[in-house]
Protein backbone atom coordinates (compact mmCIF):
# COMPACT_ATOMS: atom_id res chain seq x y z
CA UNK A 1 38.39 -1.75 -33.61
CA UNK A 2 34.69 -1.12 -33.07
CA UNK A 3 32.91 1.53 -35.03
CA UNK A 4 30.18 3.79 -33.63
CA UNK A 5 27.36 1.58 -34.92
CA UNK A 6 28.67 -1.53 -33.15
CA UNK A 7 29.23 0.35 -29.90
CA UNK A 8 25.69 1.76 -30.03
CA UNK A 9 24.14 -1.66 -30.63
CA UNK A 10 26.16 -3.14 -27.74
CA UNK A 11 24.94 -0.40 -25.40
CA UNK A 12 21.32 -1.04 -26.41
CA UNK A 13 21.77 -4.78 -25.82
CA UNK A 14 23.24 -4.20 -22.34
CA UNK A 15 20.36 -1.84 -21.45
CA UNK A 16 17.74 -4.35 -22.58
CA UNK A 17 19.43 -7.15 -20.64
CA UNK A 18 19.65 -5.01 -17.51
CA UNK A 19 16.03 -3.91 -17.81
CA UNK A 20 14.92 -7.51 -18.24
CA UNK A 21 16.88 -8.59 -15.16
CA UNK A 22 15.44 -5.72 -13.09
CA UNK A 23 11.93 -6.50 -14.32
CA UNK A 24 12.33 -10.13 -13.27
CA UNK A 25 13.69 -9.04 -9.87
CA UNK A 26 10.73 -6.69 -9.29
CA UNK A 27 8.27 -9.42 -10.35
CA UNK A 28 9.92 -11.82 -7.87
CA UNK A 29 9.56 -9.15 -5.17
CA UNK A 30 5.83 -9.02 -5.91
CA UNK A 31 5.62 -12.79 -5.49
CA UNK A 32 7.56 -12.59 -2.19
CA UNK A 33 5.22 -9.87 -0.91
CA UNK A 34 2.11 -11.89 -1.81
CA UNK A 35 3.53 -15.08 -0.29
CA UNK A 36 4.59 -13.28 2.88
CA UNK A 37 1.12 -11.87 3.37
CA UNK A 38 -0.27 -15.39 3.79
CA UNK A 39 2.31 -16.56 6.35
CA UNK A 40 2.62 -15.97 10.09
CA UNK A 41 4.44 -12.76 11.04
CA UNK A 42 5.23 -12.94 14.76
CA UNK A 43 6.15 -15.92 16.93
CA UNK A 44 4.44 -16.30 20.29
CA UNK A 45 6.36 -15.20 23.37
CA UNK A 46 4.96 -15.28 26.90
CA UNK A 47 1.42 -13.91 26.90
CA UNK A 48 1.77 -12.57 23.35
CA UNK A 49 0.19 -14.92 20.79
CA UNK A 50 1.61 -15.90 17.43
CA UNK A 51 0.00 -13.67 14.81
CA UNK A 52 -0.23 -12.77 11.17
CA UNK A 53 -1.72 -9.92 9.23
CA UNK A 54 -4.69 -11.95 8.00
CA UNK A 55 -6.44 -11.69 11.37
CA UNK A 56 -6.13 -7.92 11.86
CA UNK A 57 -8.72 -5.47 10.54
CA UNK A 58 -7.54 -2.44 8.58
CA UNK A 59 -10.35 -0.41 10.16
CA UNK A 60 -8.54 -0.65 13.50
CA UNK A 61 -6.17 2.02 12.19
CA UNK A 62 -8.93 4.63 12.54
CA UNK A 63 -8.81 4.32 16.33
CA UNK A 64 -5.32 2.74 16.60
CA UNK A 65 -6.73 -0.44 18.11
CA UNK A 66 -5.82 -4.03 17.34
CA UNK A 67 -9.16 -5.38 16.07
CA UNK A 68 -9.75 -8.89 14.80
CA UNK A 69 -11.52 -9.04 11.45
CA UNK A 70 -14.35 -11.29 10.44
CA UNK A 71 -13.55 -11.46 6.70
CA UNK A 72 -10.30 -11.71 4.80
CA UNK A 73 -11.23 -8.74 2.60
CA UNK A 74 -11.09 -6.39 5.63
CA UNK A 75 -7.66 -7.56 6.77
CA UNK A 76 -4.14 -6.22 6.37
CA UNK A 77 -3.38 -9.45 4.54
CA UNK A 78 -5.73 -8.55 1.69
CA UNK A 79 -4.18 -5.09 1.31
CA UNK A 80 -0.68 -6.56 1.20
CA UNK A 81 -1.54 -9.38 -1.22
CA UNK A 82 -3.14 -6.84 -3.61
CA UNK A 83 0.00 -4.69 -3.35
CA UNK A 84 2.15 -7.76 -4.06
CA UNK A 85 0.08 -8.56 -7.15
CA UNK A 86 0.40 -4.98 -8.38
CA UNK A 87 4.18 -4.98 -7.77
CA UNK A 88 4.34 -8.19 -9.82
CA UNK A 89 2.33 -6.59 -12.64
CA UNK A 90 4.57 -3.51 -12.43
CA UNK A 91 7.62 -5.75 -12.82
CA UNK A 92 6.18 -7.66 -15.77
CA UNK A 93 5.09 -4.43 -17.46
CA UNK A 94 8.38 -2.73 -16.47
CA UNK A 95 6.40 0.15 -14.97
CA UNK A 96 8.51 2.22 -12.60
CA UNK A 97 5.52 4.07 -11.16
CA UNK A 98 3.32 1.04 -10.50
CA UNK A 99 6.06 -1.11 -8.96
CA UNK A 100 7.52 1.73 -6.89
CA UNK A 101 4.20 3.02 -5.60
CA UNK A 102 2.90 -0.35 -4.46
CA UNK A 103 6.26 -1.40 -2.99
CA UNK A 104 6.09 1.76 -0.90
CA UNK A 105 2.46 1.10 0.11
CA UNK A 106 3.50 -2.43 1.13
CA UNK A 107 6.20 -1.03 3.41
CA UNK A 108 3.75 1.46 4.92
CA UNK A 109 1.17 -1.28 5.58
CA UNK A 110 3.82 -3.53 7.14
CA UNK A 111 5.11 -0.70 9.33
CA UNK A 112 1.60 0.21 10.46
CA UNK A 113 0.78 -3.39 11.32
CA UNK A 114 4.02 -3.87 13.27
CA UNK A 115 3.41 -0.59 15.13
CA UNK A 116 -0.19 -1.53 15.89
CA UNK A 117 0.81 -5.01 17.07
CA UNK A 118 3.66 -3.66 19.21
CA UNK A 119 1.45 -1.04 20.85
CA UNK A 120 -1.18 -3.66 21.64
CA UNK A 121 1.16 -6.33 23.03
CA UNK A 122 3.91 -4.19 24.63
CA UNK A 123 6.74 -3.19 22.34
CA UNK A 124 9.34 -4.08 24.99
CA UNK A 125 8.46 -7.73 24.45
CA UNK A 126 8.81 -7.61 20.64
CA UNK A 127 12.38 -8.16 19.44
CA UNK A 128 13.59 -8.55 15.88
CA UNK A 129 14.15 -12.28 16.43
CA UNK A 130 10.39 -12.74 17.02
CA UNK A 131 9.55 -11.87 13.42
CA UNK A 132 8.85 -14.87 11.24
CA UNK A 133 9.20 -15.56 7.53
CA UNK A 134 6.03 -13.71 6.50
CA UNK A 135 7.19 -10.37 7.86
CA UNK A 136 10.69 -10.84 6.48
CA UNK A 137 9.40 -11.66 2.99
CA UNK A 138 7.06 -8.68 2.88
CA UNK A 139 9.57 -6.15 4.21
CA UNK A 140 12.47 -7.46 2.12
CA UNK A 141 10.27 -7.69 -0.99
CA UNK A 142 9.04 -4.14 -0.41
CA UNK A 143 12.52 -2.68 0.10
CA UNK A 144 14.14 -4.53 -2.83
CA UNK A 145 11.11 -3.82 -5.04
CA UNK A 146 11.20 -0.11 -4.20
CA UNK A 147 14.93 0.22 -4.85
CA UNK A 148 14.82 -1.93 -7.99
CA UNK A 149 11.89 -0.03 -9.43
CA UNK A 150 14.15 3.00 -9.74
CA UNK A 151 16.11 1.10 -12.40
CA UNK A 152 13.07 0.27 -14.53
CA UNK A 153 12.44 2.32 -17.62
CA UNK A 154 10.64 5.62 -17.31
CA UNK A 155 8.01 6.93 -19.67
CA UNK A 156 9.37 8.40 -22.86
CA UNK A 157 8.46 11.96 -23.65
CA UNK A 158 6.43 12.40 -26.82
């Protein structure tokens, strides 16, 4: 028979183990997001070229135009790799807010890029099978990171 002290210590051990596993999962999502930002996102099809987010300027969102960028620091790729790094840091620090916020921003950036690319190259031509590993890693890492961040510890009230 277990007494109350043993039950309480077992519960604490299970919580710590679960939090550690969730933290590792969120950190891996950050790595997947950062890796996906460097890979190609869309396979070429007909007149549509193969593309990635490293060649598209973030400033094109102001006018909803697909603009090539001249430096990496102005690209969608830079925004997504920074978000991936911050999701990783949020996972290592077990910060629900940091990991959740930047997982969400990653998903928004990916959605905006896909919408911008589809509007520029005819969305009828863009099927789900045309997406490559980069897009899948970023979207999957963002979704899993966002959901998993809900299970990280919250701030304790003082």
